[in-house]
C-alpha atoms as a PDB file:
ATOM      1  CA  MET A   1     -14.702  51.157  79.471  1.00  0.00           C
ATOM      2  CA  MET A   2     -11.951  48.452  80.768  1.00  0.00           C
ATOM      3  CA  ARG A   3     -12.932  45.249  81.944  1.00  0.00           C
ATOM      4  CA  SER A   4     -11.344  44.114  85.620  1.00  0.00           C
ATOM      5  CA  GLY A   5      -9.175  41.070  85.776  1.00  0.00           C
ATOM      6  CA  GLN A   6      -6.136  39.863  83.278  1.00  0.00           C
ATOM      7  CA  VAL A   7      -6.555  42.440  79.988  1.00  0.00           C
ATOM      8  CA  THR A   8      -6.706  40.366  76.654  1.00  0.00           C
ATOM      9  CA  ILE A   9      -6.224  41.829  72.687  1.00  0.00           C
ATOM     10  CA  LYS A  10     -10.186  41.921  72.670  1.00  0.00           C
ATOM     11  CA  ASP A  11      -9.514  44.252  75.807  1.00  0.00           C
ATOM     12  CA  ILE A  12      -6.873  46.806  73.595  1.00  0.00           C
ATOM     13  CA  ALA A  13      -8.860  46.037  70.475  1.00  0.00           C
ATOM     14  CA  ARG A  14     -11.996  47.852  72.133  1.00  0.00           C
ATOM     15  CA  GLU A  15     -10.256  50.550  73.577  1.00  0.00           C
ATOM     16  CA  LEU A  16      -8.229  51.590  70.290  1.00  0.00           C
ATOM     17  CA  GLY A  17     -11.289  50.764  67.864  1.00  0.00           C
ATOM     18  CA  ILE A  18      -9.334  48.307  65.599  1.00  0.00           C
ATOM     19  CA  SER A  19      -9.325  44.672  65.296  1.00  0.00           C
ATOM     20  CA  PRO A  20      -8.149  41.497  67.808  1.00  0.00           C
ATOM     21  CA  SER A  21      -6.641  40.498  64.416  1.00  0.00           C
ATOM     22  CA  THR A  22      -4.703  44.583  63.786  1.00  0.00           C
ATOM     23  CA  VAL A  23      -3.804  44.163  67.939  1.00  0.00           C
ATOM     24  CA  SER A  24      -2.040  40.679  67.483  1.00  0.00           C
ATOM     25  CA  LYS A  25      -0.180  41.438  64.303  1.00  0.00           C
ATOM     26  CA  ALA A  26       1.074  44.734  65.898  1.00  0.00           C
ATOM     27  CA  LEU A  27       2.075  43.027  69.101  1.00  0.00           C
ATOM     28  CA  LYS A  28       4.395  41.176  66.939  1.00  0.00           C
ATOM     29  CA  ASN A  29       5.812  43.906  65.252  1.00  0.00           C
ATOM     30  CA  HIS A  30       3.987  42.227  61.964  1.00  0.00           C
ATOM     31  CA  PRO A  31       5.470  44.499  58.846  1.00  0.00           C
ATOM     32  CA  ASP A  32       1.972  44.844  57.499  1.00  0.00           C
ATOM     33  CA  ILE A  33       0.836  47.041  60.220  1.00  0.00           C
ATOM     34  CA  SER A  34       1.763  50.556  60.218  1.00  0.00           C
ATOM     35  CA  VAL A  35       4.415  51.998  62.849  1.00  0.00           C
ATOM     36  CA  GLU A  36       2.287  54.417  64.112  1.00  0.00           C
ATOM     37  CA  THR A  37      -0.207  51.938  64.908  1.00  0.00           C
ATOM     38  CA  ARG A  38       2.179  49.295  66.159  1.00  0.00           C
ATOM     39  CA  LYS A  39       3.335  52.490  68.483  1.00  0.00           C
ATOM     40  CA  ARG A  40      -0.105  52.934  69.700  1.00  0.00           C
ATOM     41  CA  VAL A  41      -1.137  49.773  70.709  1.00  0.00           C
ATOM     42  CA  ASN A  42       2.083  48.432  71.900  1.00  0.00           C
ATOM     43  CA  ASP A  43       1.960  51.837  74.382  1.00  0.00           C
ATOM     44  CA  LEU A  44      -1.251  50.926  75.266  1.00  0.00           C
ATOM     45  CA  ALA A  45      -0.373  47.339  75.782  1.00  0.00           C
ATOM     46  CA  LYS A  46       2.376  48.173  78.033  1.00  0.00           C
ATOM     47  CA  LYS A  47       0.337  51.011  79.763  1.00  0.00           C
ATOM     48  CA  LEU A  48      -2.775  48.537  80.814  1.00  0.00           C
ATOM     49  CA  ASN A  49       0.333  45.819  81.738  1.00  0.00           C
ATOM     50  CA  TYR A  50      -0.805  43.420  78.781  1.00  0.00           C
ATOM     51  CA  LYS A  51       1.079  39.830  79.371  1.00  0.00           C
ATOM     52  CA  PRO A  52       0.119  36.927  76.945  1.00  0.00           C
ATOM     53  CA  ASN A  53      -1.686  34.134  78.142  1.00  0.00           C
ATOM     54  CA  ALA A  54       0.135  31.212  78.506  1.00  0.00           C
ATOM     55  CA  ILE A  55      -2.005  28.964  78.503  1.00  0.00           C
ATOM     56  CA  ALA A  56      -3.287  29.813  74.983  1.00  0.00           C
ATOM     57  CA  LEU A  57       0.473  30.094  73.380  1.00  0.00           C
ATOM     58  CA  SER A  58       1.247  26.696  74.717  1.00  0.00           C
ATOM     59  CA  LEU A  59      -1.704  25.328  73.083  1.00  0.00           C
ATOM     60  CA  ARG A  60      -0.939  26.925  69.708  1.00  0.00           C
ATOM     61  CA  SER A  61       3.021  25.977  70.101  1.00  0.00           C
ATOM     62  CA  SER A  62       2.151  22.536  71.210  1.00  0.00           C
ATOM     63  CA  ARG A  63       4.993  23.183  74.404  1.00  0.00           C
ATOM     64  CA  THR A  64       3.656  23.849  77.616  1.00  0.00           C
ATOM     65  CA  LYS A  65       7.462  24.411  79.461  1.00  0.00           C
ATOM     66  CA  THR A  66       5.648  21.814  82.149  1.00  0.00           C
ATOM     67  CA  ILE A  67       7.256  18.399  83.016  1.00  0.00           C
ATOM     68  CA  GLY A  68       5.210  16.240  85.625  1.00  0.00           C
ATOM     69  CA  LEU A  69       6.990  14.368  88.579  1.00  0.00           C
ATOM     70  CA  VAL A  70       4.764  11.666  90.676  1.00  0.00           C
ATOM     71  CA  ILE A  71       6.745   9.863  93.575  1.00  0.00           C
ATOM     72  CA  PRO A  72       5.636   7.615  96.349  1.00  0.00           C
ATOM     73  CA  GLU A  73       5.792  10.033  98.970  1.00  0.00           C
ATOM     74  CA  THR A  74       7.445  13.465  99.886  1.00  0.00           C
ATOM     75  CA  VAL A  75       7.549  13.210 103.632  1.00  0.00           C
ATOM     76  CA  HIS A  76      11.248  11.180 102.998  1.00  0.00           C
ATOM     77  CA  HIS A  77      14.027  13.144 102.459  1.00  0.00           C
ATOM     78  CA  PHE A  78      15.377  10.741  99.791  1.00  0.00           C
ATOM     79  CA  PHE A  79      12.831  11.485  97.818  1.00  0.00           C
ATOM     80  CA  SER A  80      13.265  15.460  98.730  1.00  0.00           C
ATOM     81  CA  SER A  81      16.469  15.759  97.747  1.00  0.00           C
ATOM     82  CA  VAL A  82      15.809  14.313  94.077  1.00  0.00           C
ATOM     83  CA  ILE A  83      12.777  16.872  94.079  1.00  0.00           C
ATOM     84  CA  SER A  84      15.486  20.048  94.013  1.00  0.00           C
ATOM     85  CA  GLY A  85      17.865  18.244  91.930  1.00  0.00           C
ATOM     86  CA  ILE A  86      15.026  18.136  89.368  1.00  0.00           C
ATOM     87  CA  GLU A  87      13.331  21.434  90.355  1.00  0.00           C
ATOM     88  CA  ASP A  88      16.964  23.521  90.224  1.00  0.00           C
ATOM     89  CA  VAL A  89      17.971  22.272  86.855  1.00  0.00           C
ATOM     90  CA  ALA A  90      14.363  22.543  85.205  1.00  0.00           C
ATOM     91  CA  TYR A  91      13.676  25.783  86.233  1.00  0.00           C
ATOM     92  CA  ASP A  92      16.969  27.055  84.898  1.00  0.00           C
ATOM     93  CA  ALA A  93      15.731  25.237  81.525  1.00  0.00           C
ATOM     94  CA  GLY A  94      13.157  27.357  81.684  1.00  0.00           C
ATOM     95  CA  TYR A  95      10.643  24.335  82.566  1.00  0.00           C
ATOM     96  CA  ASN A  96       7.986  24.443  85.271  1.00  0.00           C
ATOM     97  CA  VAL A  97       7.487  21.160  87.277  1.00  0.00           C
ATOM     98  CA  MET A  98       4.195  19.568  88.083  1.00  0.00           C
ATOM     99  CA  ILE A  99       4.268  17.422  90.955  1.00  0.00           C
ATOM    100  CA  PHE A 100       2.024  14.443  92.199  1.00  0.00           C
ATOM    101  CA  GLN A 101       2.073  11.609  95.016  1.00  0.00           C
ATOM    102  CA  SER A 102       1.282   8.175  94.939  1.00  0.00           C
ATOM    103  CA  ASN A 103       1.131   7.773  98.469  1.00  0.00           C
ATOM    104  CA  GLU A 104       2.890   4.293  97.746  1.00  0.00           C
ATOM    105  CA  SER A 105      -1.123   3.270  95.877  1.00  0.00           C
ATOM    106  CA  PHE A 106      -0.982   1.769  92.465  1.00  0.00           C
ATOM    107  CA  ASN A 107      -4.386   3.354  91.785  1.00  0.00           C
ATOM    108  CA  ARG A 108      -2.817   6.784  92.776  1.00  0.00           C
ATOM    109  CA  GLU A 109      -0.211   6.895  90.875  1.00  0.00           C
ATOM    110  CA  VAL A 110      -2.507   5.625  87.085  1.00  0.00           C
ATOM    111  CA  ILE A 111      -4.800   9.335  88.414  1.00  0.00           C
ATOM    112  CA  ALA A 112      -2.072  11.441  89.267  1.00  0.00           C
ATOM    113  CA  THR A 113      -0.445  10.373  85.332  1.00  0.00           C
ATOM    114  CA  THR A 114      -3.866  10.890  83.527  1.00  0.00           C
ATOM    115  CA  ALA A 115      -3.929  13.761  85.289  1.00  0.00           C
ATOM    116  CA  LEU A 116      -0.419  15.060  83.851  1.00  0.00           C
ATOM    117  CA  LEU A 117      -1.284  13.970  80.135  1.00  0.00           C
ATOM    118  CA  ASP A 118      -4.378  16.125  80.987  1.00  0.00           C
ATOM    119  CA  ALA A 119      -2.389  19.150  81.712  1.00  0.00           C
ATOM    120  CA  ARG A 120      -0.365  18.545  78.561  1.00  0.00           C
ATOM    121  CA  VAL A 121       3.014  18.230  80.309  1.00  0.00           C
ATOM    122  CA  GLU A 122       6.014  17.587  77.956  1.00  0.00           C
ATOM    123  CA  GLY A 123       7.793  14.597  79.937  1.00  0.00           C
ATOM    124  CA  ILE A 124       7.244  12.664  82.764  1.00  0.00           C
ATOM    125  CA  LEU A 125       9.435  11.380  85.805  1.00  0.00           C
ATOM    126  CA  ILE A 126       8.122   8.659  87.761  1.00  0.00           C
ATOM    127  CA  SER A 127       9.163   6.590  90.948  1.00  0.00           C
ATOM    128  CA  LEU A 128       7.481   3.466  91.259  1.00  0.00           C
ATOM    129  CA  SER A 129       4.754   3.231  94.136  1.00  0.00           C
ATOM    130  CA  ARG A 130       5.455   0.107  96.074  1.00  0.00           C
ATOM    131  CA  GLU A 131       1.456  -1.563  95.225  1.00  0.00           C
ATOM    132  CA  THR A 132       2.844  -1.129  91.286  1.00  0.00           C
ATOM    133  CA  ARG A 133       2.654  -4.309  89.079  1.00  0.00           C
ATOM    134  CA  ASN A 134       1.082  -3.685  86.289  1.00  0.00           C
ATOM    135  CA  TYR A 135       2.281  -0.653  84.027  1.00  0.00           C
ATOM    136  CA  ASP A 136      -0.026  -0.201  81.180  1.00  0.00           C
ATOM    137  CA  HIS A 137      -1.028   3.685  81.766  1.00  0.00           C
ATOM    138  CA  LEU A 138       3.189   4.081  81.624  1.00  0.00           C
ATOM    139  CA  LYS A 139       2.471   2.386  78.019  1.00  0.00           C
ATOM    140  CA  ASN A 140       0.268   4.905  77.459  1.00  0.00           C
ATOM    141  CA  ILE A 141       2.098   7.640  78.411  1.00  0.00           C
ATOM    142  CA  LEU A 142       4.782   6.417  75.515  1.00  0.00           C
ATOM    143  CA  LYS A 143       2.065   5.943  73.111  1.00  0.00           C
ATOM    144  CA  ASN A 144       0.945   9.221  73.669  1.00  0.00           C
ATOM    145  CA  GLY A 145       4.443  10.606  72.286  1.00  0.00           C
ATOM    146  CA  VAL A 146       5.174  11.813  76.099  1.00  0.00           C
ATOM    147  CA  PRO A 147       8.708  10.926  77.333  1.00  0.00           C
ATOM    148  CA  VAL A 148       9.438   9.057  80.510  1.00  0.00           C
ATOM    149  CA  VAL A 149      12.124   8.544  82.841  1.00  0.00           C
ATOM    150  CA  MET A 150      11.940   6.356  85.803  1.00  0.00           C
ATOM    151  CA  PHE A 151      14.090   7.144  88.814  1.00  0.00           C
ATOM    152  CA  ASP A 152      15.014   5.087  91.523  1.00  0.00           C
ATOM    153  CA  ARG A 153      12.532   2.689  91.816  1.00  0.00           C
ATOM    154  CA  VAL A 154      11.947   1.455  87.985  1.00  0.00           C
ATOM    155  CA  CYS A 155      10.946  -1.404  85.888  1.00  0.00           C
ATOM    156  CA  ASP A 156      12.657  -3.776  83.428  1.00  0.00           C
ATOM    157  CA  ASP A 157       9.261  -4.026  81.261  1.00  0.00           C
ATOM    158  CA  ILE A 158       8.978  -0.547  80.406  1.00  0.00           C
ATOM    159  CA  LYS A 159      11.856   0.531  77.695  1.00  0.00           C
ATOM    160  CA  THR A 160      12.716   4.201  78.907  1.00  0.00           C
ATOM    161  CA  ASP A 161      15.471   6.160  80.389  1.00  0.00           C
ATOM    162  CA  LYS A 162      16.234   5.242  83.603  1.00  0.00           C
ATOM    163  CA  VAL A 163      18.110   6.226  87.142  1.00  0.00           C
ATOM    164  CA  THR A 164      18.931   4.374  89.521  1.00  0.00           C
ATOM    165  CA  VAL A 165      21.942   3.723  92.590  1.00  0.00           C
ATOM    166  CA  ASP A 166      23.954   0.814  92.961  1.00  0.00           C
ATOM    167  CA  ASP A 167      21.652  -0.907  95.627  1.00  0.00           C
ATOM    168  CA  TYR A 168      23.406  -4.200  95.419  1.00  0.00           C
ATOM    169  CA  GLU A 169      26.540  -2.832  95.663  1.00  0.00           C
ATOM    170  CA  GLY A 170      25.534   0.104  98.253  1.00  0.00           C
ATOM    171  CA  ALA A 171      24.033  -3.013 100.352  1.00  0.00           C
ATOM    172  CA  TYR A 172      26.787  -5.189  99.787  1.00  0.00           C
ATOM    173  CA  ASN A 173      29.157  -2.197 101.774  1.00  0.00           C
ATOM    174  CA  ALA A 174      26.943  -1.904 104.198  1.00  0.00           C
ATOM    175  CA  VAL A 175      26.932  -5.491 105.554  1.00  0.00           C
ATOM    176  CA  SER A 176      30.791  -5.629 104.626  1.00  0.00           C
ATOM    177  CA  HIS A 177      31.342  -3.263 107.000  1.00  0.00           C
ATOM    178  CA  LEU A 178      29.019  -4.557 109.762  1.00  0.00           C
ATOM    179  CA  ILE A 179      31.294  -7.769 109.368  1.00  0.00           C
ATOM    180  CA  ARG A 180      34.178  -6.601 109.250  1.00  0.00           C
ATOM    181  CA  SER A 181      33.480  -4.728 112.746  1.00  0.00           C
ATOM    182  CA  GLY A 182      32.862  -8.249 114.522  1.00  0.00           C
ATOM    183  CA  CYS A 183      28.979  -8.707 113.954  1.00  0.00           C
ATOM    184  CA  ARG A 184      28.074 -12.535 112.841  1.00  0.00           C
ATOM    185  CA  ARG A 185      24.449 -12.328 113.371  1.00  0.00           C
ATOM    186  CA  ILE A 186      23.078  -9.852 111.133  1.00  0.00           C
ATOM    187  CA  ALA A 187      19.165  -8.801 110.769  1.00  0.00           C
ATOM    188  CA  HIS A 188      17.716  -7.114 107.820  1.00  0.00           C
ATOM    189  CA  LEU A 189      15.105  -5.205 107.106  1.00  0.00           C
ATOM    190  CA  ALA A 190      13.922  -5.207 103.770  1.00  0.00           C
ATOM    191  CA  GLY A 191      11.295  -3.869 101.730  1.00  0.00           C
ATOM    192  CA  PRO A 192       7.918  -4.773 100.082  1.00  0.00           C
ATOM    193  CA  PRO A 193       8.353  -7.737  98.359  1.00  0.00           C
ATOM    194  CA  GLY A 194       8.617  -7.641  94.672  1.00  0.00           C
ATOM    195  CA  LEU A 195      10.145  -4.016  94.637  1.00  0.00           C
ATOM    196  CA  ARG A 196      13.955  -4.446  92.442  1.00  0.00           C
ATOM    197  CA  ILE A 197      15.549  -2.455  94.907  1.00  0.00           C
ATOM    198  CA  THR A 198      14.221  -4.961  97.560  1.00  0.00           C
ATOM    199  CA  ASP A 199      15.769  -7.429  95.871  1.00  0.00           C
ATOM    200  CA  LEU A 200      18.970  -5.478  95.250  1.00  0.00           C
ATOM    201  CA  ARG A 201      19.484  -4.870  98.647  1.00  0.00           C
ATOM    202  CA  ARG A 202      18.401  -8.142  99.750  1.00  0.00           C
ATOM    203  CA  ASN A 203      21.227  -9.832  96.790  1.00  0.00           C
ATOM    204  CA  GLY A 204      23.916  -7.301  98.557  1.00  0.00           C
ATOM    205  CA  TYR A 205      23.351  -8.731 102.052  1.00  0.00           C
ATOM    206  CA  LEU A 206      23.099 -12.062 100.911  1.00  0.00           C
ATOM    207  CA  GLU A 207      26.533 -11.565  99.005  1.00  0.00           C
ATOM    208  CA  ALA A 208      27.901 -10.146 101.245  1.00  0.00           C
ATOM    209  CA  LEU A 209      27.792 -12.714 103.961  1.00  0.00           C
ATOM    210  CA  ARG A 210      28.377 -15.687 101.342  1.00  0.00           C
ATOM    211  CA  GLU A 211      31.660 -14.176 100.825  1.00  0.00           C
ATOM    212  CA  ASN A 212      32.707 -14.455 104.130  1.00  0.00           C
ATOM    213  CA  ARG A 213      31.216 -17.979 105.119  1.00  0.00           C
ATOM    214  CA  LEU A 214      28.440 -16.342 107.072  1.00  0.00           C
ATOM    215  CA  GLU A 215      25.381 -18.411 107.099  1.00  0.00           C
ATOM    216  CA  PHE A 216      22.502 -16.929 106.820  1.00  0.00           C
ATOM    217  CA  ASP A 217      19.179 -17.375 108.775  1.00  0.00           C
ATOM    218  CA  ARG A 218      16.036 -16.748 107.163  1.00  0.00           C
ATOM    219  CA  ASP A 219      14.359 -15.953 110.810  1.00  0.00           C
ATOM    220  CA  LEU A 220      16.720 -12.654 110.835  1.00  0.00           C
ATOM    221  CA  MET A 221      15.394 -11.198 107.277  1.00  0.00           C
ATOM    222  CA  VAL A 222      12.018  -9.495 107.618  1.00  0.00           C
ATOM    223  CA  TYR A 223       9.855  -7.521 105.203  1.00  0.00           C
ATOM    224  CA  CYS A 224       9.585  -4.407 107.082  1.00  0.00           C
ATOM    225  CA  ASP A 225       9.928  -0.960 105.758  1.00  0.00           C
ATOM    226  CA  ASN A 226       8.800   1.757 108.057  1.00  0.00           C
ATOM    227  CA  PHE A 227       9.057   3.308 111.698  1.00  0.00           C
ATOM    228  CA  ASN A 228       6.059   1.772 113.489  1.00  0.00           C
ATOM    229  CA  GLN A 229       6.532  -1.528 111.852  1.00  0.00           C
ATOM    230  CA  ALA A 230      10.539  -1.590 113.087  1.00  0.00           C
ATOM    231  CA  GLN A 231       9.603  -1.147 116.686  1.00  0.00           C
ATOM    232  CA  ILE A 232       7.310  -3.926 116.152  1.00  0.00           C
ATOM    233  CA  ARG A 233       9.636  -6.128 114.432  1.00  0.00           C
ATOM    234  CA  THR A 234      13.173  -4.908 116.216  1.00  0.00           C
ATOM    235  CA  LYS A 235      11.378  -5.908 119.862  1.00  0.00           C
ATOM    236  CA  GLN A 236      10.493 -10.060 118.315  1.00  0.00           C
ATOM    237  CA  LEU A 237      14.287 -10.546 117.072  1.00  0.00           C
ATOM    238  CA  MET A 238      15.697  -8.753 120.059  1.00  0.00           C
ATOM    239  CA  ASN A 239      13.259 -11.267 122.052  1.00  0.00           C
ATOM    240  CA  ARG A 240      15.349 -14.611 119.856  1.00  0.00           C
ATOM    241  CA  ILE A 241      17.128 -17.191 121.772  1.00  0.00           C
ATOM    242  CA  GLN A 242      20.092 -15.715 119.645  1.00  0.00           C
ATOM    243  CA  PRO A 243      19.236 -12.477 118.662  1.00  0.00           C
ATOM    244  CA  PRO A 244      20.836 -10.465 116.180  1.00  0.00           C
ATOM    245  CA  ASP A 245      24.298  -8.542 116.656  1.00  0.00           C
ATOM    246  CA  ALA A 246      23.660  -6.157 113.936  1.00  0.00           C
ATOM    247  CA  ILE A 247      20.357  -4.502 112.084  1.00  0.00           C
ATOM    248  CA  PHE A 248      20.851  -3.594 108.362  1.00  0.00           C
ATOM    249  CA  THR A 249      17.948  -1.439 107.366  1.00  0.00           C
ATOM    250  CA  VAL A 250      15.950  -1.123 104.132  1.00  0.00           C
ATOM    251  CA  ASN A 251      16.036   3.119 104.551  1.00  0.00           C
ATOM    252  CA  ASP A 252      16.632   5.150 107.487  1.00  0.00           C
ATOM    253  CA  PHE A 253      13.442   5.899 108.567  1.00  0.00           C
ATOM    254  CA  THR A 254      13.306   2.655 109.601  1.00  0.00           C
ATOM    255  CA  ALA A 255      16.516   2.310 111.473  1.00  0.00           C
ATOM    256  CA  THR A 256      15.060   5.228 113.596  1.00  0.00           C
ATOM    257  CA  GLY A 257      12.471   2.764 115.011  1.00  0.00           C
ATOM    258  CA  VAL A 258      15.241  -0.053 115.247  1.00  0.00           C
ATOM    259  CA  ILE A 259      17.466   2.625 117.326  1.00  0.00           C
ATOM    260  CA  LYS A 260      14.074   3.651 119.423  1.00  0.00           C
ATOM    261  CA  SER A 261      13.216   0.069 120.146  1.00  0.00           C
ATOM    262  CA  LEU A 262      16.804  -0.864 121.054  1.00  0.00           C
ATOM    263  CA  HIS A 263      17.011   2.090 124.372  1.00  0.00           C
ATOM    264  CA  GLU A 264      13.510   1.071 125.052  1.00  0.00           C
ATOM    265  CA  MET A 265      15.044  -2.504 125.904  1.00  0.00           C
ATOM    266  CA  ARG A 266      17.967  -0.759 127.222  1.00  0.00           C
ATOM    267  CA  ILE A 267      20.211  -2.798 124.547  1.00  0.00           C
ATOM    268  CA  ARG A 268      23.447  -0.473 124.062  1.00  0.00           C
ATOM    269  CA  ILE A 269      23.781   0.504 120.458  1.00  0.00           C
ATOM    270  CA  PRO A 270      26.802  -0.241 119.181  1.00  0.00           C
ATOM    271  CA  GLU A 271      28.240  -1.753 121.863  1.00  0.00           C
ATOM    272  CA  ASP A 272      25.586  -4.756 121.935  1.00  0.00           C
ATOM    273  CA  VAL A 273      23.770  -4.092 118.673  1.00  0.00           C
ATOM    274  CA  SER A 274      25.438  -2.142 115.811  1.00  0.00           C
ATOM    275  CA  VAL A 275      22.540  -0.010 113.123  1.00  0.00           C
ATOM    276  CA  ILE A 276      23.244   0.652 109.998  1.00  0.00           C
ATOM    277  CA  GLY A 277      20.711   2.346 107.217  1.00  0.00           C
ATOM    278  CA  PHE A 278      20.130   3.033 103.577  1.00  0.00           C
ATOM    279  CA  SER A 279      20.101   6.626 101.995  1.00  0.00           C
ATOM    280  CA  ASN A 280      21.989   9.645 104.151  1.00  0.00           C
ATOM    281  CA  GLY A 281      18.682  11.455 105.107  1.00  0.00           C
ATOM    282  CA  LEU A 282      19.369  14.324 107.399  1.00  0.00           C
ATOM    283  CA  ILE A 283      17.261  11.936 110.322  1.00  0.00           C
ATOM    284  CA  SER A 284      20.893  10.412 110.319  1.00  0.00           C
ATOM    285  CA  GLN A 285      22.823  12.632 111.466  1.00  0.00           C
ATOM    286  CA  VAL A 286      20.350  13.695 114.453  1.00  0.00           C
ATOM    287  CA  THR A 287      19.648  10.391 115.923  1.00  0.00           C
ATOM    288  CA  TYR A 288      21.601   9.081 119.002  1.00  0.00           C
ATOM    289  CA  PRO A 289      23.475   7.662 118.245  1.00  0.00           C
ATOM    290  CA  THR A 290      24.009   9.029 114.934  1.00  0.00           C
ATOM    291  CA  LEU A 291      22.802   6.674 112.371  1.00  0.00           C
ATOM    292  CA  SER A 292      25.981   4.863 110.042  1.00  0.00           C
ATOM    293  CA  THR A 293      24.446   4.613 106.090  1.00  0.00           C
ATOM    294  CA  VAL A 294      24.627   4.321 102.514  1.00  0.00           C
ATOM    295  CA  ASP A 295      23.991   7.592 100.628  1.00  0.00           C
ATOM    296  CA  GLN A 296      21.706   7.630  98.082  1.00  0.00           C
ATOM    297  CA  HIS A 297      23.110  10.815  96.345  1.00  0.00           C
ATOM    298  CA  GLY A 298      18.861  11.832  95.618  1.00  0.00           C
ATOM    299  CA  TYR A 299      20.076  15.259  94.703  1.00  0.00           C
ATOM    300  CA  GLU A 300      22.596  14.168  92.357  1.00  0.00           C
ATOM    301  CA  MET A 301      19.595  11.213  91.215  1.00  0.00           C
ATOM    302  CA  GLY A 302      16.673  14.361  90.331  1.00  0.00           C
ATOM    303  CA  GLN A 303      19.524  16.311  88.430  1.00  0.00           C
ATOM    304  CA  VAL A 304      20.834  13.096  85.834  1.00  0.00           C
ATOM    305  CA  SER A 305      16.824  12.412  85.277  1.00  0.00           C
ATOM    306  CA  VAL A 306      15.314  15.536  84.739  1.00  0.00           C
ATOM    307  CA  GLN A 307      18.436  16.034  82.035  1.00  0.00           C
ATOM    308  CA  LEU A 308      17.613  13.061  80.611  1.00  0.00           C
ATOM    309  CA  LEU A 309      14.274  13.805  79.926  1.00  0.00           C
ATOM    310  CA  LEU A 310      15.462  17.344  78.793  1.00  0.00           C
ATOM    311  CA  ASP A 311      17.754  15.872  76.171  1.00  0.00           C
ATOM    312  CA  ARG A 312      14.891  14.214  75.421  1.00  0.00           C
ATOM    313  CA  LEU A 313      12.933  16.661  74.774  1.00  0.00           C
ATOM    314  CA  TYR A 314      15.439  18.784  73.189  1.00  0.00           C
ATOM    315  CA  ASN A 315      15.816  16.083  70.276  1.00  0.00           C
ATOM    316  CA  ARG A 316      12.878  14.944  70.004  1.00  0.00           C
ATOM    317  CA  GLN A 317      13.275  13.767  66.390  1.00  0.00           C
ATOM    318  CA  ALA A 318      16.429  11.912  66.920  1.00  0.00           C
ATOM    319  CA  GLU A 319      16.575   8.139  67.665  1.00  0.00           C
ATOM    320  CA  GLN A 320      18.423   7.874  70.498  1.00  0.00           C
ATOM    321  CA  PRO A 321      19.206   4.488  72.314  1.00  0.00           C
ATOM    322  CA  PHE A 322      17.341   4.300  75.771  1.00  0.00           C
ATOM    323  CA  ILE A 323      20.034   4.902  79.079  1.00  0.00           C
ATOM    324  CA  HIS A 324      19.839   3.252  82.130  1.00  0.00           C
ATOM    325  CA  GLN A 325      22.265   5.347  84.134  1.00  0.00           C
ATOM    326  CA  VAL A 326      23.807   4.359  87.714  1.00  0.00           C
ATOM    327  CA  LEU A 327      25.034   6.307  90.643  1.00  0.00           C
ATOM    328  CA  LYS A 328      27.459   5.131  92.745  1.00  0.00           C
ATOM    329  CA  THR A 329      26.725   4.944  96.508  1.00  0.00           C
ATOM    330  CA  GLU A 330      28.469   5.738  99.476  1.00  0.00           C
ATOM    331  CA  LEU A 331      29.261   4.319 102.546  1.00  0.00           C
ATOM    332  CA  ILE A 332      29.034   6.806 105.487  1.00  0.00           C
ATOM    333  CA  ILE A 333      30.587   5.632 108.891  1.00  0.00           C
ATOM    334  CA  ARG A 334      28.926   7.228 111.546  1.00  0.00           C
ATOM    335  CA  GLU A 335      28.211   6.412 115.720  1.00  0.00           C
ATOM    336  CA  SER A 336      25.739   3.350 115.576  1.00  0.00           C
ATOM    337  CA  THR A 337      28.376   1.075 114.334  1.00  0.00           C
ATOM    338  CA  ARG A 338      31.169  -0.137 115.959  1.00  0.00           C
ATOM    339  CA  ARG A 339      35.250   0.686 114.486  1.00  0.00           C
ATOM    340  CA  THR A 340      36.479  -1.868 112.525  1.00  0.00           C
ATOM    341  CA  ARG A 341      38.664  -4.276 113.551  1.00  0.00           C
ATOM    342  CA  LYS A 342      41.425  -2.983 111.252  1.00  0.00           C
ATOM    343  CA  ASN A 343      40.837   0.635 112.427  1.00  0.00           C
ATOM    344  CA  SER A 344      40.434  -0.526 116.390  1.00  0.00           C
END
């Protein structure tokens, strides 16, 4: 009697009174097996809806057709867009994607990469958590012969393929737009200290000030990269003797906290204070007023990142130089910033 559950080669062998090895060869149309036996085996396999065990096949071939993905958070539209880009390309190439989120925790990032190695993924895509300063877990992945592609949040200490946007240029363009619209005291709500993107966006902000001969006020730059903190920091900034007339934030989610606080303080946007974010997530189109921002092209970043990984997997034996691909940003002007003098 056939047992319930997934049908195996042993089940077919028992039903036909032949050995499992004969069934295995018959399913592969091996010439050592007679045409009659092959027909009997294949007919029964079809009748019982037999399907090969994908895990067993992958163990024999050392190919799991699965890649791993570690991201800081899924709540941000940017990372959701990246995931969509990765999955669309990966699935078209016949690969599955196993996703972990670190929740901005270094320890969870290490646990995630260990789990992915244990799952025998063929490659790993990763954007670092804000806490990550030690990279031994990434070195261990590479030591195990598993290729890694880093995206968005990357580090210089690991030699591997990387995909980022031009954070410096994006920040520079955003602040330059504020200056052209007449803003002179521009605050910057920056990302966590020590992150590469924090440094690049801060440097772009500073360069725009320098180029336009505007003095940098240290009190106008604070580390703040989330909605709740932004509400507190905005009120502190606006209660200064010389408050800012514009606020550039490290991401759109932080900018929404700024906008909420300014509304509560009855400060007009953009007449009194202009606000500009970074990412161009869906939230930027539903704020009031709609949010000017810098488009990071998350979907494209996901596509490019996974394609680099697939190229490594397709050419495992070839010596290829590592690639750092930098995507261009795009300044998106909406209602939260004043029109530039040129267009007014």
